[in-house]
Amino acid sequence: MDPAFSVTWSNLGVLFRVNGMHELAEISYKHSLALEPEVTNTLANLAVLYRQTGNIVEAETLERRVLAKRNRNPYYFLMLGNEAYRNVDYAEAIKYYKNAVSLDAKNHEAYFGLARSYYALDDTISAVRYMKKAKRNAPSDDEQQLYEHKLSVLNQVARLH
């Protein structure tokens, strides 16, 4: 419907790649990048294609670009933190959430991730501290109230310990 929507071209490239239509995949990715040159997912998908087709030098060049972009993106670290949390690796999750916060000191989702990770490690003092930061940085009144409710529950749990 919108030929200038780069994501569609990138998705088409993925479809071509998984079906072994490598030339069409490359054309789709490159068209997507012509529309939006710095889309991380498209760069990463093109790197995957190059690696699959044996173009290792090009793949590594793109992978370095992607990694550099991701290392500056707090939401990348938030995603890694959430994955580590789901995998019950709370220490690793804390590391990633702290990276997210170092890149964006107002990232309420990263503070919430820290709070729940510390809580999972039975460190309610740290959990309360980070829940307060999540509340303070929440972008809306509704989210602040949600964090306030979680904070009151945390405080009740902390008193029981």
N, C-alpha and C. Protein backbone atom coordinates (compact mmCIF):
# COMPACT_ATOMS: atom_id res chain seq x y z
N MET A 1 0.80 -1.19 0.00
CA MET A 1 0.00 0.00 0.00
C MET A 1 0.85 1.26 0.00
N ASP A 2 2.04 1.17 0.63
CA ASP A 2 2.92 2.34 0.68
C ASP A 2 4.31 1.92 0.20
N PRO A 3 4.61 2.17 -1.07
CA PRO A 3 5.89 1.71 -1.62
C PRO A 3 7.11 2.40 -0.99
N ALA A 4 6.90 3.47 -0.23
CA ALA A 4 8.02 4.17 0.40
C ALA A 4 8.23 3.72 1.85
N PHE A 5 7.47 2.74 2.32
CA PHE A 5 7.61 2.24 3.69
C PHE A 5 8.72 1.20 3.70
N SER A 6 9.86 1.59 4.22
CA SER A 6 11.06 0.76 4.12
C SER A 6 10.93 -0.59 4.82
N VAL A 7 10.19 -0.65 5.91
CA VAL A 7 10.06 -1.89 6.66
C VAL A 7 9.44 -2.99 5.80
N THR A 8 8.50 -2.61 4.96
CA THR A 8 7.86 -3.59 4.08
C THR A 8 8.88 -4.24 3.15
N TRP A 9 9.77 -3.41 2.62
CA TRP A 9 10.81 -3.95 1.72
C TRP A 9 11.77 -4.86 2.48
N SER A 10 12.09 -4.48 3.70
CA SER A 10 12.97 -5.33 4.51
C SER A 10 12.28 -6.66 4.82
N ASN A 11 11.01 -6.62 5.19
CA ASN A 11 10.26 -7.85 5.45
C ASN A 11 10.17 -8.73 4.21
N LEU A 12 9.99 -8.10 3.06
CA LEU A 12 9.97 -8.85 1.81
C LEU A 12 11.32 -9.53 1.59
N GLY A 13 12.40 -8.81 1.93
CA GLY A 13 13.73 -9.40 1.83
C GLY A 13 13.87 -10.64 2.70
N VAL A 14 13.33 -10.58 3.91
CA VAL A 14 13.37 -11.75 4.80
C VAL A 14 12.61 -12.90 4.15
N LEU A 15 11.45 -12.62 3.63
CA LEU A 15 10.65 -13.66 2.96
C LEU A 15 11.43 -14.30 1.81
N PHE A 16 12.06 -13.46 1.00
CA PHE A 16 12.87 -14.00 -0.10
C PHE A 16 14.04 -14.83 0.44
N ARG A 17 14.73 -14.31 1.48
CA ARG A 17 15.90 -15.00 2.02
C ARG A 17 15.55 -16.38 2.56
N VAL A 18 14.49 -16.47 3.34
CA VAL A 18 14.15 -17.76 3.94
C VAL A 18 13.65 -18.76 2.90
N ASN A 19 13.29 -18.25 1.74
CA ASN A 19 12.86 -19.14 0.65
C ASN A 19 13.95 -19.34 -0.39
N GLY A 20 15.18 -18.97 -0.03
CA GLY A 20 16.32 -19.23 -0.89
C GLY A 20 16.43 -18.33 -2.11
N MET A 21 15.70 -17.25 -2.14
CA MET A 21 15.73 -16.32 -3.28
C MET A 21 16.67 -15.16 -2.92
N HIS A 22 17.96 -15.47 -2.86
CA HIS A 22 18.95 -14.55 -2.32
C HIS A 22 19.11 -13.27 -3.12
N GLU A 23 19.07 -13.35 -4.43
CA GLU A 23 19.23 -12.13 -5.24
C GLU A 23 18.07 -11.17 -5.00
N LEU A 24 16.86 -11.70 -4.96
CA LEU A 24 15.70 -10.85 -4.69
C LEU A 24 15.74 -10.30 -3.27
N ALA A 25 16.23 -11.09 -2.33
CA ALA A 25 16.36 -10.63 -0.95
C ALA A 25 17.32 -9.43 -0.89
N GLU A 26 18.46 -9.56 -1.55
CA GLU A 26 19.44 -8.46 -1.54
C GLU A 26 18.84 -7.21 -2.18
N ILE A 27 18.13 -7.36 -3.28
CA ILE A 27 17.50 -6.21 -3.93
C ILE A 27 16.50 -5.55 -2.98
N SER A 28 15.70 -6.34 -2.29
CA SER A 28 14.72 -5.80 -1.35
C SER A 28 15.38 -5.06 -0.19
N TYR A 29 16.41 -5.68 0.40
CA TYR A 29 17.12 -5.02 1.50
C TYR A 29 17.74 -3.71 1.04
N LYS A 30 18.38 -3.73 -0.10
CA LYS A 30 19.04 -2.52 -0.59
C LYS A 30 18.02 -1.43 -0.92
N HIS A 31 16.87 -1.82 -1.42
CA HIS A 31 15.82 -0.82 -1.67
C HIS A 31 15.33 -0.23 -0.34
N SER A 32 15.15 -1.09 0.64
CA SER A 32 14.75 -0.63 1.97
C SER A 32 15.76 0.37 2.53
N LEU A 33 17.04 0.04 2.37
CA LEU A 33 18.10 0.93 2.87
C LEU A 33 18.19 2.22 2.06
N ALA A 34 17.83 2.17 0.79
CA ALA A 34 17.80 3.41 -0.01
C ALA A 34 16.72 4.34 0.53
N LEU A 35 15.64 3.77 1.04
CA LEU A 35 14.56 4.57 1.60
C LEU A 35 14.90 5.08 2.99
N GLU A 36 15.53 4.24 3.79
CA GLU A 36 15.95 4.59 5.16
C GLU A 36 17.29 3.91 5.42
N PRO A 37 18.38 4.65 5.23
CA PRO A 37 19.72 4.04 5.24
C PRO A 37 20.21 3.47 6.57
N GLU A 38 19.65 3.88 7.68
CA GLU A 38 20.22 3.46 8.97
C GLU A 38 19.31 2.58 9.80
N VAL A 39 18.39 1.87 9.19
CA VAL A 39 17.50 0.98 9.94
C VAL A 39 18.30 -0.26 10.37
N THR A 40 18.46 -0.40 11.67
CA THR A 40 19.30 -1.45 12.23
C THR A 40 18.86 -2.85 11.80
N ASN A 41 17.56 -3.12 11.86
CA ASN A 41 17.09 -4.47 11.52
C ASN A 41 17.37 -4.81 10.06
N THR A 42 17.23 -3.84 9.16
CA THR A 42 17.52 -4.12 7.75
C THR A 42 19.00 -4.38 7.56
N LEU A 43 19.84 -3.59 8.21
CA LEU A 43 21.28 -3.82 8.13
C LEU A 43 21.63 -5.21 8.66
N ALA A 44 21.01 -5.60 9.76
CA ALA A 44 21.28 -6.91 10.35
C ALA A 44 20.79 -8.03 9.43
N ASN A 45 19.62 -7.85 8.83
CA ASN A 45 19.11 -8.87 7.92
C ASN A 45 19.99 -9.01 6.68
N LEU A 46 20.50 -7.90 6.17
CA LEU A 46 21.40 -7.96 5.02
C LEU A 46 22.70 -8.67 5.42
N ALA A 47 23.17 -8.43 6.63
CA ALA A 47 24.37 -9.12 7.12
C ALA A 47 24.13 -10.63 7.18
N VAL A 48 22.95 -11.03 7.65
CA VAL A 48 22.61 -12.46 7.70
C VAL A 48 22.64 -13.05 6.29
N LEU A 49 22.06 -12.33 5.34
CA LEU A 49 22.07 -12.81 3.95
C LEU A 49 23.49 -12.96 3.44
N TYR A 50 24.32 -11.94 3.67
CA TYR A 50 25.69 -12.00 3.19
C TYR A 50 26.44 -13.16 3.83
N ARG A 51 26.20 -13.39 5.12
CA ARG A 51 26.88 -14.51 5.80
C ARG A 51 26.41 -15.84 5.20
N GLN A 52 25.11 -15.96 4.95
CA GLN A 52 24.57 -17.21 4.36
C GLN A 52 25.12 -17.47 2.97
N THR A 53 25.36 -16.40 2.22
CA THR A 53 25.81 -16.58 0.84
C THR A 53 27.34 -16.55 0.72
N GLY A 54 28.03 -16.53 1.87
CA GLY A 54 29.48 -16.61 1.85
C GLY A 54 30.20 -15.29 1.67
N ASN A 55 29.49 -14.19 1.68
CA ASN A 55 30.10 -12.87 1.55
C ASN A 55 30.46 -12.37 2.96
N ILE A 56 31.45 -13.01 3.55
CA ILE A 56 31.79 -12.81 4.96
C ILE A 56 32.32 -11.40 5.22
N VAL A 57 33.11 -10.85 4.33
CA VAL A 57 33.67 -9.51 4.53
C VAL A 57 32.55 -8.48 4.64
N GLU A 58 31.60 -8.54 3.71
CA GLU A 58 30.46 -7.61 3.75
C GLU A 58 29.61 -7.85 5.00
N ALA A 59 29.41 -9.12 5.35
CA ALA A 59 28.61 -9.46 6.53
C ALA A 59 29.26 -8.86 7.79
N GLU A 60 30.56 -9.03 7.93
CA GLU A 60 31.25 -8.52 9.12
C GLU A 60 31.23 -7.00 9.17
N THR A 61 31.34 -6.35 8.02
CA THR A 61 31.27 -4.89 7.97
C THR A 61 29.91 -4.41 8.48
N LEU A 62 28.86 -5.03 8.00
CA LEU A 62 27.51 -4.66 8.43
C LEU A 62 27.28 -5.01 9.90
N GLU A 63 27.78 -6.15 10.34
CA GLU A 63 27.62 -6.55 11.74
C GLU A 63 28.28 -5.56 12.69
N ARG A 64 29.43 -5.03 12.29
CA ARG A 64 30.10 -4.00 13.12
C ARG A 64 29.24 -2.74 13.20
N ARG A 65 28.67 -2.33 12.07
CA ARG A 65 27.77 -1.16 12.06
C ARG A 65 26.56 -1.39 12.96
N VAL A 66 25.98 -2.58 12.86
CA VAL A 66 24.80 -2.90 13.66
C VAL A 66 25.15 -2.89 15.14
N LEU A 67 26.26 -3.51 15.49
CA LEU A 67 26.67 -3.56 16.90
C LEU A 67 26.93 -2.16 17.45
N ALA A 68 27.58 -1.32 16.67
CA ALA A 68 27.84 0.06 17.11
C ALA A 68 26.54 0.80 17.35
N LYS A 69 25.56 0.62 16.48
CA LYS A 69 24.25 1.27 16.65
C LYS A 69 23.54 0.72 17.89
N ARG A 70 23.57 -0.58 18.06
CA ARG A 70 22.88 -1.19 19.19
C ARG A 70 23.52 -0.79 20.52
N ASN A 71 24.83 -0.63 20.54
CA ASN A 71 25.52 -0.25 21.77
C ASN A 71 25.19 1.16 22.22
N ARG A 72 24.56 1.95 21.35
CA ARG A 72 24.12 3.30 21.71
C ARG A 72 22.62 3.37 21.95
N ASN A 73 21.95 2.22 21.90
CA ASN A 73 20.49 2.19 21.97
C ASN A 73 20.05 1.60 23.31
N PRO A 74 19.47 2.42 24.20
CA PRO A 74 19.04 1.88 25.51
C PRO A 74 17.98 0.79 25.38
N TYR A 75 17.16 0.86 24.34
CA TYR A 75 16.10 -0.14 24.19
C TYR A 75 16.65 -1.50 23.77
N TYR A 76 17.81 -1.50 23.15
CA TYR A 76 18.48 -2.77 22.85
C TYR A 76 18.87 -3.46 24.16
N PHE A 77 19.44 -2.69 25.09
CA PHE A 77 19.83 -3.26 26.37
C PHE A 77 18.61 -3.62 27.21
N LEU A 78 17.53 -2.85 27.09
CA LEU A 78 16.29 -3.19 27.77
C LEU A 78 15.78 -4.54 27.28
N MET A 79 15.82 -4.75 25.97
CA MET A 79 15.40 -6.03 25.39
C MET A 79 16.27 -7.17 25.92
N LEU A 80 17.60 -6.97 25.94
CA LEU A 80 18.50 -8.01 26.45
C LEU A 80 18.23 -8.28 27.93
N GLY A 81 17.96 -7.22 28.68
CA GLY A 81 17.62 -7.39 30.10
C GLY A 81 16.35 -8.20 30.27
N ASN A 82 15.35 -7.91 29.47
CA ASN A 82 14.09 -8.66 29.55
C ASN A 82 14.30 -10.13 29.19
N GLU A 83 15.13 -10.39 28.19
CA GLU A 83 15.43 -11.78 27.83
C GLU A 83 16.15 -12.50 28.97
N ALA A 84 17.13 -11.83 29.56
CA ALA A 84 17.87 -12.44 30.67
C ALA A 84 16.93 -12.69 31.85
N TYR A 85 16.03 -11.76 32.11
CA TYR A 85 15.07 -11.93 33.20
C TYR A 85 14.19 -13.15 32.93
N ARG A 86 13.67 -13.27 31.71
CA ARG A 86 12.83 -14.42 31.35
C ARG A 86 13.61 -15.74 31.49
N ASN A 87 14.92 -15.66 31.28
CA ASN A 87 15.77 -16.85 31.41
C ASN A 87 16.26 -17.07 32.84
N VAL A 88 15.72 -16.32 33.76
CA VAL A 88 16.01 -16.42 35.20
C VAL A 88 17.49 -16.14 35.48
N ASP A 89 18.09 -15.30 34.69
CA ASP A 89 19.47 -14.86 34.92
C ASP A 89 19.41 -13.41 35.38
N TYR A 90 19.06 -13.23 36.66
CA TYR A 90 18.78 -11.91 37.19
C TYR A 90 20.02 -11.03 37.26
N ALA A 91 21.17 -11.60 37.55
CA ALA A 91 22.41 -10.80 37.59
C ALA A 91 22.72 -10.25 36.20
N GLU A 92 22.54 -11.06 35.18
CA GLU A 92 22.76 -10.61 33.81
C GLU A 92 21.73 -9.55 33.43
N ALA A 93 20.48 -9.76 33.83
CA ALA A 93 19.42 -8.78 33.55
C ALA A 93 19.78 -7.43 34.17
N ILE A 94 20.26 -7.45 35.40
CA ILE A 94 20.65 -6.21 36.09
C ILE A 94 21.74 -5.49 35.30
N LYS A 95 22.70 -6.23 34.81
CA LYS A 95 23.78 -5.63 34.02
C LYS A 95 23.21 -4.91 32.79
N TYR A 96 22.31 -5.58 32.08
CA TYR A 96 21.74 -4.97 30.88
C TYR A 96 20.85 -3.77 31.21
N TYR A 97 20.05 -3.88 32.26
CA TYR A 97 19.20 -2.75 32.65
C TYR A 97 20.04 -1.55 33.05
N LYS A 98 21.14 -1.80 33.74
CA LYS A 98 22.03 -0.68 34.11
C LYS A 98 22.66 -0.04 32.87
N ASN A 99 22.98 -0.85 31.85
CA ASN A 99 23.46 -0.28 30.59
C ASN A 99 22.40 0.62 29.98
N ALA A 100 21.15 0.17 30.00
CA ALA A 100 20.05 0.96 29.44
C ALA A 100 19.93 2.30 30.17
N VAL A 101 20.02 2.26 31.50
CA VAL A 101 19.91 3.47 32.30
C VAL A 101 21.10 4.40 32.06
N SER A 102 22.27 3.83 31.83
CA SER A 102 23.44 4.68 31.58
C SER A 102 23.30 5.44 30.26
N LEU A 103 22.53 4.89 29.33
CA LEU A 103 22.29 5.55 28.05
C LEU A 103 21.06 6.46 28.08
N ASP A 104 20.13 6.18 29.00
CA ASP A 104 18.90 6.98 29.12
C ASP A 104 18.47 6.96 30.57
N ALA A 105 18.87 7.99 31.30
CA ALA A 105 18.62 8.04 32.75
C ALA A 105 17.14 8.21 33.10
N LYS A 106 16.29 8.40 32.13
CA LYS A 106 14.85 8.54 32.38
C LYS A 106 14.05 7.34 31.90
N ASN A 107 14.71 6.22 31.65
CA ASN A 107 14.06 5.03 31.12
C ASN A 107 13.36 4.26 32.24
N HIS A 108 12.09 4.57 32.44
CA HIS A 108 11.33 3.96 33.54
C HIS A 108 11.24 2.45 33.41
N GLU A 109 11.21 1.94 32.18
CA GLU A 109 11.12 0.49 31.99
C GLU A 109 12.38 -0.22 32.47
N ALA A 110 13.53 0.41 32.28
CA ALA A 110 14.78 -0.17 32.76
C ALA A 110 14.83 -0.15 34.29
N TYR A 111 14.34 0.94 34.90
CA TYR A 111 14.29 0.99 36.36
C TYR A 111 13.34 -0.09 36.90
N PHE A 112 12.22 -0.28 36.22
CA PHE A 112 11.30 -1.34 36.65
C PHE A 112 11.98 -2.71 36.51
N GLY A 113 12.71 -2.91 35.42
CA GLY A 113 13.45 -4.16 35.24
C GLY A 113 14.44 -4.39 36.37
N LEU A 114 15.12 -3.32 36.77
CA LEU A 114 16.05 -3.42 37.89
C LEU A 114 15.30 -3.78 39.17
N ALA A 115 14.16 -3.13 39.39
CA ALA A 115 13.38 -3.39 40.61
C ALA A 115 12.95 -4.85 40.67
N ARG A 116 12.41 -5.37 39.60
CA ARG A 116 11.91 -6.75 39.66
C ARG A 116 13.06 -7.76 39.70
N SER A 117 14.21 -7.41 39.10
CA SER A 117 15.36 -8.32 39.17
C SER A 117 15.92 -8.37 40.58
N TYR A 118 16.04 -7.21 41.21
CA TYR A 118 16.53 -7.21 42.59
C TYR A 118 15.54 -7.91 43.51
N TYR A 119 14.26 -7.72 43.25
CA TYR A 119 13.25 -8.41 44.06
C TYR A 119 13.40 -9.93 43.90
N ALA A 120 13.64 -10.38 42.67
CA ALA A 120 13.82 -11.81 42.42
C ALA A 120 15.04 -12.35 43.15
N LEU A 121 16.02 -11.47 43.39
CA LEU A 121 17.22 -11.86 44.14
C LEU A 121 17.05 -11.64 45.64
N ASP A 122 15.82 -11.32 46.04
CA ASP A 122 15.47 -11.10 47.45
C ASP A 122 16.16 -9.88 48.06
N ASP A 123 16.44 -8.88 47.22
CA ASP A 123 17.02 -7.61 47.67
C ASP A 123 15.93 -6.56 47.59
N THR A 124 15.04 -6.55 48.61
CA THR A 124 13.89 -5.64 48.56
C THR A 124 14.30 -4.18 48.71
N ILE A 125 15.39 -3.91 49.38
CA ILE A 125 15.84 -2.52 49.53
C ILE A 125 16.18 -1.93 48.16
N SER A 126 16.95 -2.66 47.37
CA SER A 126 17.27 -2.19 46.02
C SER A 126 16.03 -2.16 45.14
N ALA A 127 15.16 -3.16 45.32
CA ALA A 127 13.92 -3.21 44.53
C ALA A 127 13.08 -1.97 44.78
N VAL A 128 12.93 -1.58 46.03
CA VAL A 128 12.15 -0.38 46.36
C VAL A 128 12.82 0.86 45.77
N ARG A 129 14.13 0.96 45.89
CA ARG A 129 14.86 2.13 45.36
C ARG A 129 14.61 2.28 43.85
N TYR A 130 14.71 1.19 43.11
CA TYR A 130 14.52 1.28 41.66
C TYR A 130 13.06 1.44 41.27
N MET A 131 12.14 0.91 42.08
CA MET A 131 10.72 1.13 41.79
C MET A 131 10.38 2.60 41.96
N LYS A 132 10.99 3.27 42.95
CA LYS A 132 10.79 4.71 43.12
C LYS A 132 11.30 5.47 41.90
N LYS A 133 12.43 5.05 41.36
CA LYS A 133 12.97 5.70 40.15
C LYS A 133 12.08 5.44 38.95
N ALA A 134 11.53 4.24 38.85
CA ALA A 134 10.61 3.94 37.75
C ALA A 134 9.39 4.86 37.84
N LYS A 135 8.85 5.00 39.04
CA LYS A 135 7.68 5.87 39.23
C LYS A 135 8.02 7.31 38.88
N ARG A 136 9.15 7.78 39.36
CA ARG A 136 9.56 9.17 39.13
C ARG A 136 9.73 9.48 37.63
N ASN A 137 10.13 8.48 36.86
CA ASN A 137 10.40 8.68 35.44
C ASN A 137 9.27 8.21 34.52
N ALA A 138 8.20 7.72 35.08
CA ALA A 138 7.07 7.27 34.27
C ALA A 138 6.47 8.45 33.51
N PRO A 139 6.14 8.26 32.24
CA PRO A 139 5.71 9.38 31.40
C PRO A 139 4.25 9.82 31.61
N SER A 140 3.44 9.01 32.30
CA SER A 140 2.03 9.39 32.45
C SER A 140 1.58 9.17 33.89
N ASP A 141 0.49 9.83 34.24
CA ASP A 141 -0.08 9.66 35.58
C ASP A 141 -0.52 8.22 35.81
N ASP A 142 -1.09 7.59 34.77
CA ASP A 142 -1.54 6.21 34.92
C ASP A 142 -0.37 5.29 35.25
N GLU A 143 0.75 5.46 34.54
CA GLU A 143 1.91 4.61 34.81
C GLU A 143 2.51 4.93 36.18
N GLN A 144 2.50 6.19 36.57
CA GLN A 144 2.99 6.55 37.91
C GLN A 144 2.13 5.88 38.98
N GLN A 145 0.82 5.85 38.78
CA GLN A 145 -0.07 5.20 39.75
C GLN A 145 0.18 3.69 39.80
N LEU A 146 0.43 3.11 38.64
CA LEU A 146 0.74 1.67 38.60
C LEU A 146 2.01 1.38 39.40
N TYR A 147 3.04 2.20 39.20
CA TYR A 147 4.27 2.02 39.96
C TYR A 147 4.04 2.29 41.45
N GLU A 148 3.20 3.25 41.77
CA GLU A 148 2.90 3.54 43.18
C GLU A 148 2.25 2.32 43.83
N HIS A 149 1.36 1.67 43.13
CA HIS A 149 0.73 0.46 43.66
C HIS A 149 1.77 -0.64 43.88
N LYS A 150 2.63 -0.85 42.90
CA LYS A 150 3.68 -1.86 43.02
C LYS A 150 4.61 -1.51 44.19
N LEU A 151 4.89 -0.23 44.33
CA LEU A 151 5.76 0.24 45.41
C LEU A 151 5.13 -0.03 46.77
N SER A 152 3.84 0.19 46.90
CA SER A 152 3.20 -0.07 48.19
C SER A 152 3.22 -1.56 48.53
N VAL A 153 3.03 -2.41 47.52
CA VAL A 153 3.13 -3.85 47.74
C VAL A 153 4.55 -4.23 48.15
N LEU A 154 5.53 -3.65 47.46
CA LEU A 154 6.94 -3.93 47.79
C LEU A 154 7.26 -3.51 49.22
N ASN A 155 6.77 -2.35 49.61
CA ASN A 155 7.02 -1.86 50.97
C ASN A 155 6.39 -2.79 52.00
N GLN A 156 5.20 -3.31 51.72
CA GLN A 156 4.55 -4.26 52.63
C GLN A 156 5.39 -5.54 52.74
N VAL A 157 5.90 -6.03 51.62
CA VAL A 157 6.73 -7.23 51.62
C VAL A 157 8.02 -6.97 52.40
N ALA A 158 8.59 -5.78 52.20
CA ALA A 158 9.85 -5.43 52.88
C ALA A 158 9.64 -5.40 54.40
N ARG A 159 8.49 -4.93 54.85
CA ARG A 159 8.21 -4.88 56.29
C ARG A 159 8.07 -6.29 56.87
N LEU A 160 7.61 -7.24 56.05
CA LEU A 160 7.42 -8.61 56.52
C LEU A 160 8.76 -9.33 56.71
N HIS A 161 9.77 -8.87 56.00
CA HIS A 161 11.09 -9.55 56.09
C HIS A 161 11.75 -9.17 57.35
